Amino acid sequence: MLNNTIKYIIRKHFEDKELCFDLLKTFQDTLEEQYANNGKIYIFTNYGKKLHPNVFTAQYHSIVGYKTSHYSFFLPVTVAMHFAGINNVDKLRQAEAILSNVGFLFNVQDDYMACFEESKVIGKDNTDIQKGKCTWLVATAFDYATPVQRNILKECYGSSDPEKVKRVKQLFIDLELPDRYSIFEDEMYNLQNVLLQKLSPGPLHKFFSDLLGKLYRRSV
């Protein structure tokens, strides 16, 4: 139904415009990827079931790529580029590379704040641990955890027991995830600046530069 509604609106207002096909394709690609990824998000949310660390770490990048990067950043920016007449394939590919990293950074920031910031600050409940969500924190924790620490995660992650939630948070601290998160932010910021240098000066470059500046070290 959503798909048909989007097609109807685009054709109603832009059927006689050259950008009609590009708009239809952009939305169609995003919807298809989102539908496919919603299944992954459901499957890899723990909800009290046995935790599968290898699956979590392998799937995190895939989930984030579609959950955040594509529809939150790539879709609106690509649509704006089409309206602005920026249809050069190379520029669209450059935009996709930049926005993929931007979306990944944004999602990791959300994961981190959902664990270590107050609910009133971020505007939502901090229940990722209780729900057993596939987050950057738990995926990274499994990368660095000892066998004993992995067993703690398997036992406690996805439980609503306050003591188990506390053990998971303490384990994240023991594994120095706050420091690793800070390093990750710096690395992503530097990577984005390298990608930005490949863009010609102009409105698109300024937009991406401003966007990166707003995201770097954000706290809300």
N, C-alpha and C. Protein backbone atom coordinates (compact mmCIF):
# COMPACT_ATOMS: atom_id res chain seq x y z
N MET A 1 0.83 -1.21 0.00
CA MET A 1 0.00 0.00 0.00
C MET A 1 0.87 1.26 0.00
N LEU A 2 1.90 1.26 0.85
CA LEU A 2 2.81 2.41 0.91
C LEU A 2 3.50 2.61 -0.43
N ASN A 3 3.94 1.51 -1.01
CA ASN A 3 4.62 1.56 -2.30
C ASN A 3 3.73 2.18 -3.37
N ASN A 4 2.49 1.72 -3.43
CA ASN A 4 1.55 2.24 -4.43
C ASN A 4 1.24 3.72 -4.20
N THR A 5 1.14 4.11 -2.94
CA THR A 5 0.87 5.52 -2.61
C THR A 5 2.00 6.42 -3.07
N ILE A 6 3.23 5.97 -2.81
CA ILE A 6 4.40 6.76 -3.24
C ILE A 6 4.42 6.90 -4.75
N LYS A 7 4.18 5.81 -5.46
CA LYS A 7 4.16 5.86 -6.93
C LYS A 7 3.08 6.81 -7.43
N TYR A 8 1.92 6.76 -6.80
CA TYR A 8 0.80 7.62 -7.21
C TYR A 8 1.17 9.09 -7.05
N ILE A 9 1.74 9.44 -5.90
CA ILE A 9 2.09 10.84 -5.63
C ILE A 9 3.15 11.34 -6.60
N ILE A 10 4.18 10.52 -6.83
CA ILE A 10 5.25 10.93 -7.73
C ILE A 10 4.73 11.12 -9.15
N ARG A 11 3.92 10.17 -9.61
CA ARG A 11 3.40 10.28 -10.98
C ARG A 11 2.42 11.44 -11.12
N LYS A 12 1.65 11.68 -10.08
CA LYS A 12 0.67 12.77 -10.14
C LYS A 12 1.36 14.12 -10.31
N HIS A 13 2.47 14.31 -9.61
CA HIS A 13 3.10 15.63 -9.60
C HIS A 13 4.29 15.76 -10.54
N PHE A 14 4.88 14.63 -10.95
CA PHE A 14 6.13 14.73 -11.72
C PHE A 14 6.17 13.89 -12.98
N GLU A 15 5.03 13.36 -13.41
CA GLU A 15 5.05 12.45 -14.56
C GLU A 15 5.58 13.12 -15.82
N ASP A 16 5.37 14.41 -15.95
CA ASP A 16 5.84 15.11 -17.15
C ASP A 16 7.24 15.68 -16.97
N LYS A 17 7.89 15.34 -15.86
CA LYS A 17 9.24 15.84 -15.60
C LYS A 17 10.27 14.74 -15.86
N GLU A 18 11.48 15.16 -16.23
CA GLU A 18 12.54 14.20 -16.50
C GLU A 18 12.94 13.41 -15.26
N LEU A 19 12.78 14.02 -14.09
CA LEU A 19 13.23 13.36 -12.86
C LEU A 19 12.25 12.30 -12.35
N CYS A 20 11.11 12.13 -13.01
CA CYS A 20 10.09 11.18 -12.53
C CYS A 20 10.66 9.77 -12.38
N PHE A 21 11.36 9.30 -13.41
CA PHE A 21 11.91 7.94 -13.36
C PHE A 21 12.92 7.80 -12.23
N ASP A 22 13.79 8.81 -12.08
CA ASP A 22 14.81 8.75 -11.03
C ASP A 22 14.17 8.71 -9.65
N LEU A 23 13.11 9.49 -9.45
CA LEU A 23 12.41 9.48 -8.16
C LEU A 23 11.78 8.12 -7.89
N LEU A 24 11.10 7.58 -8.88
CA LEU A 24 10.45 6.27 -8.72
C LEU A 24 11.47 5.20 -8.37
N LYS A 25 12.59 5.20 -9.08
CA LYS A 25 13.63 4.19 -8.84
C LYS A 25 14.25 4.36 -7.46
N THR A 26 14.51 5.59 -7.06
CA THR A 26 15.12 5.84 -5.75
C THR A 26 14.24 5.34 -4.62
N PHE A 27 12.96 5.67 -4.67
CA PHE A 27 12.04 5.23 -3.62
C PHE A 27 11.83 3.72 -3.67
N GLN A 28 11.72 3.16 -4.87
CA GLN A 28 11.51 1.73 -5.01
C GLN A 28 12.68 0.94 -4.43
N ASP A 29 13.90 1.35 -4.76
CA ASP A 29 15.08 0.67 -4.24
C ASP A 29 15.13 0.73 -2.72
N THR A 30 14.80 1.90 -2.17
CA THR A 30 14.84 2.06 -0.72
C THR A 30 13.79 1.19 -0.03
N LEU A 31 12.58 1.16 -0.58
CA LEU A 31 11.52 0.35 0.02
C LEU A 31 11.87 -1.14 -0.01
N GLU A 32 12.40 -1.60 -1.13
CA GLU A 32 12.74 -3.01 -1.23
C GLU A 32 13.82 -3.40 -0.22
N GLU A 33 14.82 -2.55 -0.08
CA GLU A 33 15.89 -2.84 0.87
C GLU A 33 15.38 -2.76 2.31
N GLN A 34 14.47 -1.82 2.56
CA GLN A 34 13.94 -1.68 3.91
C GLN A 34 13.08 -2.88 4.29
N TYR A 35 12.25 -3.34 3.37
CA TYR A 35 11.42 -4.52 3.65
C TYR A 35 12.29 -5.73 3.97
N ALA A 36 13.34 -5.91 3.18
CA ALA A 36 14.24 -7.05 3.40
C ALA A 36 14.95 -6.92 4.73
N ASN A 37 15.34 -5.70 5.08
CA ASN A 37 16.11 -5.51 6.31
C ASN A 37 15.26 -5.58 7.56
N ASN A 38 13.97 -5.23 7.46
CA ASN A 38 13.10 -5.34 8.64
C ASN A 38 13.09 -6.76 9.18
N GLY A 39 13.15 -7.72 8.28
CA GLY A 39 13.20 -9.11 8.72
C GLY A 39 14.47 -9.40 9.49
N LYS A 40 15.59 -8.85 9.02
CA LYS A 40 16.85 -9.05 9.72
C LYS A 40 16.81 -8.44 11.12
N ILE A 41 16.25 -7.22 11.22
CA ILE A 41 16.19 -6.55 12.51
C ILE A 41 15.40 -7.39 13.50
N TYR A 42 14.29 -7.99 13.03
CA TYR A 42 13.48 -8.83 13.91
C TYR A 42 14.23 -10.10 14.30
N ILE A 43 14.85 -10.75 13.31
CA ILE A 43 15.54 -12.01 13.57
C ILE A 43 16.70 -11.82 14.55
N PHE A 44 17.45 -10.72 14.39
CA PHE A 44 18.64 -10.54 15.20
C PHE A 44 18.40 -9.67 16.43
N THR A 45 17.15 -9.52 16.83
CA THR A 45 16.84 -8.96 18.13
C THR A 45 16.58 -10.13 19.06
N ASN A 46 17.23 -10.11 20.22
CA ASN A 46 17.32 -11.31 21.04
C ASN A 46 16.03 -11.68 21.75
N TYR A 47 15.39 -10.69 22.42
CA TYR A 47 14.15 -10.92 23.17
C TYR A 47 14.25 -12.14 24.09
N GLY A 48 15.34 -12.23 24.84
CA GLY A 48 15.47 -13.27 25.85
C GLY A 48 15.89 -14.62 25.33
N LYS A 49 16.12 -14.75 24.01
CA LYS A 49 16.55 -16.03 23.46
C LYS A 49 18.07 -16.16 23.59
N LYS A 50 18.60 -17.31 23.23
CA LYS A 50 20.04 -17.54 23.30
C LYS A 50 20.76 -16.59 22.35
N LEU A 51 21.82 -15.97 22.87
CA LEU A 51 22.57 -14.98 22.09
C LEU A 51 23.56 -15.68 21.17
N HIS A 52 23.63 -15.22 19.92
CA HIS A 52 24.55 -15.79 18.95
C HIS A 52 25.57 -14.72 18.57
N PRO A 53 26.73 -14.67 19.26
CA PRO A 53 27.69 -13.59 19.05
C PRO A 53 28.20 -13.47 17.63
N ASN A 54 28.49 -14.58 16.98
CA ASN A 54 29.03 -14.52 15.62
C ASN A 54 28.02 -13.91 14.65
N VAL A 55 26.76 -14.24 14.85
CA VAL A 55 25.70 -13.69 14.01
C VAL A 55 25.56 -12.20 14.25
N PHE A 56 25.59 -11.79 15.51
CA PHE A 56 25.45 -10.38 15.85
C PHE A 56 26.54 -9.55 15.19
N THR A 57 27.80 -9.97 15.34
CA THR A 57 28.89 -9.18 14.80
C THR A 57 28.88 -9.16 13.28
N ALA A 58 28.49 -10.26 12.67
CA ALA A 58 28.48 -10.33 11.20
C ALA A 58 27.35 -9.51 10.60
N GLN A 59 26.22 -9.41 11.29
CA GLN A 59 25.04 -8.78 10.72
C GLN A 59 24.92 -7.30 11.05
N TYR A 60 25.70 -6.81 12.03
CA TYR A 60 25.50 -5.43 12.46
C TYR A 60 25.67 -4.44 11.32
N HIS A 61 26.73 -4.55 10.55
CA HIS A 61 26.97 -3.61 9.45
C HIS A 61 25.84 -3.65 8.43
N SER A 62 25.36 -4.85 8.14
CA SER A 62 24.28 -5.00 7.16
C SER A 62 23.00 -4.33 7.65
N ILE A 63 22.67 -4.55 8.91
CA ILE A 63 21.45 -3.98 9.48
C ILE A 63 21.51 -2.46 9.47
N VAL A 64 22.64 -1.90 9.93
CA VAL A 64 22.78 -0.45 10.01
C VAL A 64 22.75 0.17 8.62
N GLY A 65 23.35 -0.53 7.66
CA GLY A 65 23.41 0.01 6.31
C GLY A 65 22.05 0.35 5.76
N TYR A 66 21.05 -0.45 6.10
CA TYR A 66 19.71 -0.21 5.58
C TYR A 66 18.81 0.48 6.60
N LYS A 67 19.01 0.17 7.88
CA LYS A 67 18.11 0.73 8.89
C LYS A 67 18.27 2.24 9.00
N THR A 68 19.49 2.71 8.90
CA THR A 68 19.74 4.13 9.09
C THR A 68 20.28 4.81 7.84
N SER A 69 21.35 4.27 7.30
CA SER A 69 22.04 4.96 6.21
C SER A 69 21.13 5.24 5.02
N HIS A 70 20.38 4.23 4.61
CA HIS A 70 19.67 4.37 3.34
C HIS A 70 18.45 5.28 3.44
N TYR A 71 17.52 4.97 4.34
CA TYR A 71 16.29 5.78 4.32
C TYR A 71 16.42 7.07 5.11
N SER A 72 17.36 7.14 6.06
CA SER A 72 17.49 8.36 6.86
C SER A 72 18.38 9.40 6.20
N PHE A 73 19.34 8.95 5.41
CA PHE A 73 20.29 9.88 4.82
C PHE A 73 20.33 9.80 3.29
N PHE A 74 20.57 8.61 2.76
CA PHE A 74 20.74 8.50 1.31
C PHE A 74 19.47 8.88 0.55
N LEU A 75 18.32 8.40 1.01
CA LEU A 75 17.06 8.69 0.30
C LEU A 75 16.77 10.19 0.21
N PRO A 76 16.69 10.92 1.33
CA PRO A 76 16.35 12.35 1.20
C PRO A 76 17.39 13.16 0.45
N VAL A 77 18.66 12.83 0.63
CA VAL A 77 19.71 13.60 -0.06
C VAL A 77 19.69 13.31 -1.56
N THR A 78 19.50 12.05 -1.92
CA THR A 78 19.44 11.69 -3.34
C THR A 78 18.25 12.35 -4.03
N VAL A 79 17.11 12.35 -3.36
CA VAL A 79 15.93 13.02 -3.91
C VAL A 79 16.22 14.51 -4.13
N ALA A 80 16.86 15.14 -3.14
CA ALA A 80 17.20 16.56 -3.28
C ALA A 80 18.17 16.78 -4.44
N MET A 81 19.12 15.85 -4.61
CA MET A 81 20.07 15.96 -5.72
C MET A 81 19.35 15.87 -7.06
N HIS A 82 18.37 14.98 -7.16
CA HIS A 82 17.60 14.88 -8.41
C HIS A 82 16.86 16.18 -8.69
N PHE A 83 16.26 16.76 -7.66
CA PHE A 83 15.54 18.02 -7.84
C PHE A 83 16.49 19.14 -8.25
N ALA A 84 17.73 19.07 -7.76
CA ALA A 84 18.71 20.10 -8.09
C ALA A 84 19.39 19.85 -9.43
N GLY A 85 19.01 18.75 -10.07
CA GLY A 85 19.59 18.43 -11.37
C GLY A 85 20.97 17.82 -11.29
N ILE A 86 21.34 17.32 -10.11
CA ILE A 86 22.65 16.67 -9.94
C ILE A 86 22.46 15.18 -10.16
N ASN A 87 22.57 14.75 -11.40
CA ASN A 87 22.31 13.36 -11.76
C ASN A 87 23.55 12.63 -12.25
N ASN A 88 24.69 13.28 -12.12
CA ASN A 88 25.94 12.66 -12.52
C ASN A 88 26.18 11.38 -11.72
N VAL A 89 26.43 10.28 -12.42
CA VAL A 89 26.57 8.98 -11.76
C VAL A 89 27.70 8.99 -10.73
N ASP A 90 28.82 9.61 -11.07
CA ASP A 90 29.95 9.65 -10.14
C ASP A 90 29.60 10.41 -8.87
N LYS A 91 28.89 11.53 -9.02
CA LYS A 91 28.50 12.30 -7.83
C LYS A 91 27.52 11.52 -6.97
N LEU A 92 26.61 10.80 -7.59
CA LEU A 92 25.66 9.99 -6.84
C LEU A 92 26.37 8.87 -6.08
N ARG A 93 27.38 8.28 -6.70
CA ARG A 93 28.15 7.24 -6.04
C ARG A 93 28.96 7.81 -4.88
N GLN A 94 29.54 8.98 -5.10
CA GLN A 94 30.29 9.63 -4.02
C GLN A 94 29.36 9.95 -2.85
N ALA A 95 28.18 10.44 -3.18
CA ALA A 95 27.20 10.76 -2.14
C ALA A 95 26.81 9.51 -1.37
N GLU A 96 26.62 8.40 -2.08
CA GLU A 96 26.24 7.15 -1.41
C GLU A 96 27.33 6.68 -0.46
N ALA A 97 28.59 6.79 -0.88
CA ALA A 97 29.70 6.38 -0.03
C ALA A 97 29.77 7.23 1.23
N ILE A 98 29.62 8.54 1.06
CA ILE A 98 29.68 9.45 2.20
C ILE A 98 28.50 9.21 3.14
N LEU A 99 27.30 9.10 2.58
CA LEU A 99 26.10 8.97 3.40
C LEU A 99 26.02 7.61 4.07
N SER A 100 26.61 6.61 3.46
CA SER A 100 26.67 5.30 4.11
C SER A 100 27.46 5.38 5.40
N ASN A 101 28.59 6.09 5.35
CA ASN A 101 29.40 6.27 6.56
C ASN A 101 28.72 7.18 7.57
N VAL A 102 28.06 8.22 7.06
CA VAL A 102 27.33 9.13 7.95
C VAL A 102 26.24 8.37 8.71
N GLY A 103 25.49 7.54 7.99
CA GLY A 103 24.44 6.76 8.63
C GLY A 103 24.98 5.78 9.64
N PHE A 104 26.13 5.17 9.31
CA PHE A 104 26.75 4.23 10.24
C PHE A 104 27.18 4.95 11.51
N LEU A 105 27.84 6.11 11.35
CA LEU A 105 28.26 6.90 12.50
C LEU A 105 27.06 7.30 13.35
N PHE A 106 26.00 7.76 12.70
CA PHE A 106 24.80 8.20 13.41
C PHE A 106 24.21 7.06 14.23
N ASN A 107 24.17 5.86 13.66
CA ASN A 107 23.57 4.73 14.35
C ASN A 107 24.42 4.28 15.53
N VAL A 108 25.74 4.27 15.35
CA VAL A 108 26.64 3.91 16.46
C VAL A 108 26.49 4.92 17.60
N GLN A 109 26.38 6.20 17.25
CA GLN A 109 26.17 7.22 18.28
C GLN A 109 24.88 6.96 19.04
N ASP A 110 23.82 6.62 18.32
CA ASP A 110 22.54 6.31 18.97
C ASP A 110 22.68 5.10 19.89
N ASP A 111 23.37 4.07 19.42
CA ASP A 111 23.58 2.87 20.25
C ASP A 111 24.31 3.22 21.54
N TYR A 112 25.35 4.02 21.40
CA TYR A 112 26.15 4.39 22.57
C TYR A 112 25.34 5.22 23.56
N MET A 113 24.64 6.23 23.05
CA MET A 113 23.88 7.11 23.94
C MET A 113 22.72 6.38 24.59
N ALA A 114 22.15 5.40 23.89
CA ALA A 114 21.05 4.62 24.46
C ALA A 114 21.49 3.82 25.68
N CYS A 115 22.78 3.58 25.79
CA CYS A 115 23.30 2.83 26.93
C CYS A 115 23.85 3.74 28.01
N PHE A 116 24.57 4.79 27.61
CA PHE A 116 25.33 5.57 28.58
C PHE A 116 24.78 6.97 28.87
N GLU A 117 23.74 7.39 28.16
CA GLU A 117 23.13 8.69 28.44
C GLU A 117 21.79 8.50 29.14
N GLU A 118 21.34 9.54 29.83
CA GLU A 118 20.05 9.50 30.51
C GLU A 118 18.91 9.52 29.49
N SER A 119 17.83 8.84 29.83
CA SER A 119 16.67 8.78 28.92
C SER A 119 16.14 10.16 28.59
N LYS A 120 16.13 11.05 29.58
CA LYS A 120 15.57 12.39 29.36
C LYS A 120 16.44 13.21 28.41
N VAL A 121 17.72 12.84 28.29
CA VAL A 121 18.62 13.56 27.40
C VAL A 121 18.39 13.14 25.95
N ILE A 122 18.27 11.82 25.72
CA ILE A 122 18.14 11.31 24.35
C ILE A 122 16.69 11.21 23.90
N GLY A 123 15.75 11.35 24.83
CA GLY A 123 14.33 11.36 24.46
C GLY A 123 13.71 10.01 24.22
N LYS A 124 14.33 8.94 24.72
CA LYS A 124 13.73 7.61 24.61
C LYS A 124 14.27 6.72 25.72
N ASP A 125 13.57 5.62 25.97
CA ASP A 125 13.99 4.70 27.03
C ASP A 125 15.26 3.96 26.64
N ASN A 126 16.11 3.74 27.65
CA ASN A 126 17.36 2.99 27.42
C ASN A 126 17.10 1.50 27.63
N THR A 127 16.55 0.84 26.64
CA THR A 127 16.16 -0.57 26.81
C THR A 127 16.81 -1.49 25.77
N ASP A 128 17.86 -1.04 25.12
CA ASP A 128 18.51 -1.89 24.11
C ASP A 128 19.03 -3.19 24.70
N ILE A 129 19.60 -3.11 25.90
CA ILE A 129 20.14 -4.31 26.55
C ILE A 129 19.01 -5.27 26.89
N GLN A 130 17.96 -4.73 27.51
CA GLN A 130 16.82 -5.57 27.91
C GLN A 130 16.18 -6.26 26.71
N LYS A 131 16.10 -5.55 25.59
CA LYS A 131 15.46 -6.11 24.39
C LYS A 131 16.41 -6.99 23.58
N GLY A 132 17.67 -7.02 23.97
CA GLY A 132 18.62 -7.85 23.25
C GLY A 132 18.91 -7.36 21.85
N LYS A 133 18.92 -6.05 21.65
CA LYS A 133 19.10 -5.51 20.30
C LYS A 133 20.53 -5.70 19.80
N CYS A 134 20.63 -5.84 18.50
CA CYS A 134 21.94 -5.96 17.85
C CYS A 134 22.51 -4.56 17.70
N THR A 135 23.38 -4.16 18.62
CA THR A 135 23.94 -2.81 18.64
C THR A 135 25.45 -2.85 18.45
N TRP A 136 26.02 -1.68 18.19
CA TRP A 136 27.47 -1.58 18.06
C TRP A 136 28.16 -2.01 19.34
N LEU A 137 27.57 -1.68 20.48
CA LEU A 137 28.19 -2.01 21.76
C LEU A 137 28.35 -3.51 21.95
N VAL A 138 27.28 -4.26 21.74
CA VAL A 138 27.37 -5.70 21.98
C VAL A 138 28.19 -6.38 20.89
N ALA A 139 28.09 -5.90 19.65
CA ALA A 139 28.91 -6.48 18.57
C ALA A 139 30.39 -6.25 18.84
N THR A 140 30.74 -5.05 19.30
CA THR A 140 32.14 -4.74 19.61
C THR A 140 32.60 -5.48 20.85
N ALA A 141 31.71 -5.60 21.83
CA ALA A 141 32.05 -6.33 23.05
C ALA A 141 32.46 -7.76 22.73
N PHE A 142 31.72 -8.40 21.85
CA PHE A 142 32.06 -9.78 21.48
C PHE A 142 33.42 -9.86 20.77
N ASP A 143 33.80 -8.80 20.08
CA ASP A 143 35.10 -8.80 19.40
C ASP A 143 36.26 -8.82 20.39
N TYR A 144 36.06 -8.21 21.56
CA TYR A 144 37.16 -8.05 22.52
C TYR A 144 37.01 -8.89 23.79
N ALA A 145 35.87 -9.51 23.97
CA ALA A 145 35.59 -10.23 25.22
C ALA A 145 36.40 -11.53 25.32
N THR A 146 36.77 -11.86 26.55
CA THR A 146 37.37 -13.16 26.83
C THR A 146 36.25 -14.20 26.84
N PRO A 147 36.59 -15.49 26.84
CA PRO A 147 35.54 -16.52 26.93
C PRO A 147 34.63 -16.34 28.14
N VAL A 148 35.20 -15.95 29.27
CA VAL A 148 34.40 -15.73 30.48
C VAL A 148 33.44 -14.56 30.27
N GLN A 149 33.94 -13.49 29.69
CA GLN A 149 33.10 -12.31 29.45
C GLN A 149 32.02 -12.61 28.42
N ARG A 150 32.33 -13.41 27.44
CA ARG A 150 31.32 -13.81 26.45
C ARG A 150 30.18 -14.57 27.13
N ASN A 151 30.53 -15.42 28.06
CA ASN A 151 29.50 -16.18 28.78
C ASN A 151 28.60 -15.25 29.59
N ILE A 152 29.19 -14.19 30.15
CA ILE A 152 28.38 -13.20 30.88
C ILE A 152 27.39 -12.53 29.94
N LEU A 153 27.86 -12.16 28.76
CA LEU A 153 26.98 -11.54 27.77
C LEU A 153 25.86 -12.49 27.36
N LYS A 154 26.22 -13.74 27.13
CA LYS A 154 25.22 -14.72 26.73
C LYS A 154 24.17 -14.92 27.81
N GLU A 155 24.62 -14.86 29.06
CA GLU A 155 23.71 -15.07 30.19
C GLU A 155 22.82 -13.85 30.44
N CYS A 156 23.39 -12.66 30.28
CA CYS A 156 22.70 -11.45 30.75
C CYS A 156 22.07 -10.60 29.66
N TYR A 157 22.63 -10.62 28.45
CA TYR A 157 22.13 -9.73 27.41
C TYR A 157 20.77 -10.20 26.91
N GLY A 158 19.81 -9.28 26.89
CA GLY A 158 18.45 -9.62 26.49
C GLY A 158 17.55 -9.93 27.66
N SER A 159 18.06 -9.72 28.88
CA SER A 159 17.26 -9.94 30.09
C SER A 159 16.82 -8.61 30.67
N SER A 160 15.62 -8.58 31.23
CA SER A 160 15.11 -7.35 31.87
C SER A 160 15.46 -7.30 33.35
N ASP A 161 16.15 -8.31 33.85
CA ASP A 161 16.60 -8.33 35.25
C ASP A 161 17.58 -7.17 35.47
N PRO A 162 17.27 -6.23 36.37
CA PRO A 162 18.14 -5.06 36.58
C PRO A 162 19.59 -5.42 36.89
N GLU A 163 19.80 -6.49 37.64
CA GLU A 163 21.16 -6.88 37.99
C GLU A 163 21.93 -7.36 36.76
N LYS A 164 21.24 -8.06 35.88
CA LYS A 164 21.89 -8.53 34.66
C LYS A 164 22.19 -7.37 33.71
N VAL A 165 21.27 -6.42 33.65
CA VAL A 165 21.50 -5.22 32.84
C VAL A 165 22.73 -4.47 33.36
N LYS A 166 22.83 -4.37 34.68
CA LYS A 166 23.96 -3.70 35.30
C LYS A 166 25.28 -4.42 34.98
N ARG A 167 25.24 -5.76 34.99
CA ARG A 167 26.45 -6.54 34.68
C ARG A 167 26.90 -6.30 33.24
N VAL A 168 25.93 -6.20 32.33
CA VAL A 168 26.27 -5.94 30.93
C VAL A 168 26.92 -4.56 30.78
N LYS A 169 26.33 -3.55 31.41
CA LYS A 169 26.89 -2.20 31.32
C LYS A 169 28.30 -2.16 31.91
N GLN A 170 28.49 -2.84 33.03
CA GLN A 170 29.82 -2.86 33.64
C GLN A 170 30.82 -3.58 32.73
N LEU A 171 30.36 -4.62 32.07
CA LEU A 171 31.23 -5.33 31.14
C LEU A 171 31.64 -4.44 29.97
N PHE A 172 30.69 -3.64 29.48
CA PHE A 172 31.02 -2.69 28.42
C PHE A 172 32.13 -1.73 28.87
N ILE A 173 32.04 -1.30 30.13
CA ILE A 173 33.06 -0.39 30.68
C ILE A 173 34.38 -1.12 30.84
N ASP A 174 34.33 -2.36 31.35
CA ASP A 174 35.55 -3.15 31.53
C ASP A 174 36.28 -3.37 30.20
N LEU A 175 35.51 -3.48 29.13
CA LEU A 175 36.09 -3.68 27.80
C LEU A 175 36.49 -2.36 27.13
N GLU A 176 36.38 -1.27 27.90
CA GLU A 176 36.80 0.07 27.46
C GLU A 176 36.03 0.54 26.23
N LEU A 177 34.74 0.20 26.17
CA LEU A 177 33.95 0.61 25.02
C LEU A 177 33.77 2.12 24.91
N PRO A 178 33.66 2.86 26.04
CA PRO A 178 33.60 4.32 25.89
C PRO A 178 34.83 4.89 25.18
N ASP A 179 36.02 4.37 25.51
CA ASP A 179 37.24 4.84 24.84
C ASP A 179 37.26 4.39 23.39
N ARG A 180 36.85 3.16 23.15
CA ARG A 180 36.82 2.64 21.78
C ARG A 180 35.83 3.44 20.92
N TYR A 181 34.74 3.85 21.55
CA TYR A 181 33.74 4.66 20.85
C TYR A 181 34.32 6.01 20.44
N SER A 182 35.06 6.61 21.34
CA SER A 182 35.68 7.91 21.04
C SER A 182 36.68 7.79 19.90
N ILE A 183 37.46 6.72 19.91
CA ILE A 183 38.42 6.47 18.82
C ILE A 183 37.68 6.24 17.51
N PHE A 184 36.60 5.47 17.58
CA PHE A 184 35.79 5.20 16.39
C PHE A 184 35.26 6.49 15.78
N GLU A 185 34.76 7.40 16.61
CA GLU A 185 34.25 8.68 16.10
C GLU A 185 35.33 9.45 15.35
N ASP A 186 36.53 9.49 15.94
CA ASP A 186 37.64 10.20 15.30
C ASP A 186 38.00 9.56 13.96
N GLU A 187 38.03 8.23 13.94
CA GLU A 187 38.37 7.53 12.70
C GLU A 187 37.34 7.79 11.61
N MET A 188 36.06 7.77 11.98
CA MET A 188 35.01 8.03 11.00
C MET A 188 35.06 9.47 10.50
N TYR A 189 35.35 10.39 11.40
CA TYR A 189 35.46 11.80 11.02
C TYR A 189 36.60 11.99 10.02
N ASN A 190 37.73 11.36 10.28
CA ASN A 190 38.88 11.48 9.38
C ASN A 190 38.58 10.82 8.03
N LEU A 191 37.91 9.67 8.06
CA LEU A 191 37.55 8.99 6.82
C LEU A 191 36.62 9.85 5.97
N GLN A 192 35.66 10.48 6.62
CA GLN A 192 34.73 11.33 5.89
C GLN A 192 35.44 12.52 5.25
N ASN A 193 36.39 13.07 5.95
CA ASN A 193 37.13 14.20 5.39
C ASN A 193 37.94 13.79 4.16
N VAL A 194 38.44 12.56 4.17
CA VAL A 194 39.15 12.05 2.99
C VAL A 194 38.20 11.94 1.81
N LEU A 195 36.99 11.41 2.07
CA LEU A 195 35.99 11.29 1.00
C LEU A 195 35.54 12.67 0.51
N LEU A 196 35.42 13.62 1.43
CA LEU A 196 34.99 14.96 1.05
C LEU A 196 36.01 15.64 0.14
N GLN A 197 37.28 15.34 0.34
CA GLN A 197 38.32 15.95 -0.48
C GLN A 197 38.21 15.55 -1.95
N LYS A 198 37.51 14.45 -2.21
CA LYS A 198 37.33 13.98 -3.59
C LYS A 198 36.18 14.69 -4.29
N LEU A 199 35.36 15.42 -3.51
CA LEU A 199 34.25 16.18 -4.09
C LEU A 199 34.72 17.56 -4.51
N SER A 200 34.23 18.01 -5.65
CA SER A 200 34.56 19.36 -6.09
C SER A 200 33.92 20.38 -5.16
N PRO A 201 34.57 21.54 -4.95
CA PRO A 201 33.97 22.59 -4.13
C PRO A 201 32.63 23.02 -4.71
N GLY A 202 31.68 23.29 -3.83
CA GLY A 202 30.36 23.69 -4.27
C GLY A 202 29.31 23.37 -3.23
N PRO A 203 28.03 23.54 -3.57
CA PRO A 203 26.95 23.32 -2.60
C PRO A 203 26.94 21.91 -2.00
N LEU A 204 27.21 20.90 -2.83
CA LEU A 204 27.18 19.52 -2.33
C LEU A 204 28.29 19.30 -1.30
N HIS A 205 29.47 19.79 -1.60
CA HIS A 205 30.59 19.67 -0.68
C HIS A 205 30.29 20.38 0.63
N LYS A 206 29.73 21.59 0.54
CA LYS A 206 29.41 22.36 1.75
C LYS A 206 28.35 21.64 2.58
N PHE A 207 27.35 21.07 1.91
CA PHE A 207 26.29 20.36 2.64
C PHE A 207 26.87 19.20 3.44
N PHE A 208 27.69 18.38 2.78
CA PHE A 208 28.26 17.21 3.47
C PHE A 208 29.20 17.64 4.59
N SER A 209 29.94 18.70 4.37
CA SER A 209 30.86 19.20 5.39
C SER A 209 30.08 19.70 6.61
N ASP A 210 29.00 20.44 6.37
CA ASP A 210 28.16 20.93 7.47
C ASP A 210 27.50 19.77 8.22
N LEU A 211 27.04 18.76 7.47
CA LEU A 211 26.39 17.61 8.09
C LEU A 211 27.36 16.87 9.00
N LEU A 212 28.58 16.66 8.52
CA LEU A 212 29.59 15.98 9.33
C LEU A 212 29.91 16.78 10.58
N GLY A 213 29.98 18.10 10.44
CA GLY A 213 30.25 18.94 11.60
C GLY A 213 29.17 18.85 12.66
N LYS A 214 27.92 18.70 12.24
CA LYS A 214 26.81 18.60 13.19
C LYS A 214 26.81 17.23 13.90
N LEU A 215 27.26 16.19 13.21
CA LEU A 215 27.22 14.85 13.79
C LEU A 215 28.42 14.56 14.69
N TYR A 216 29.56 15.12 14.36
CA TYR A 216 30.78 14.80 15.11
C TYR A 216 30.65 15.23 16.57
N ARG A 217 30.84 14.26 17.47
CA ARG A 217 30.76 14.47 18.92
C ARG A 217 29.37 14.92 19.38
N ARG A 218 28.33 14.60 18.62
CA ARG A 218 26.98 14.99 19.05
C ARG A 218 26.63 14.27 20.34
N SER A 219 25.75 14.90 21.13
CA SER A 219 25.36 14.32 22.43
C SER A 219 23.86 14.13 22.55
N VAL A 220 23.11 14.46 21.49
CA VAL A 220 21.65 14.24 21.49
C VAL A 220 21.25 13.69 20.13
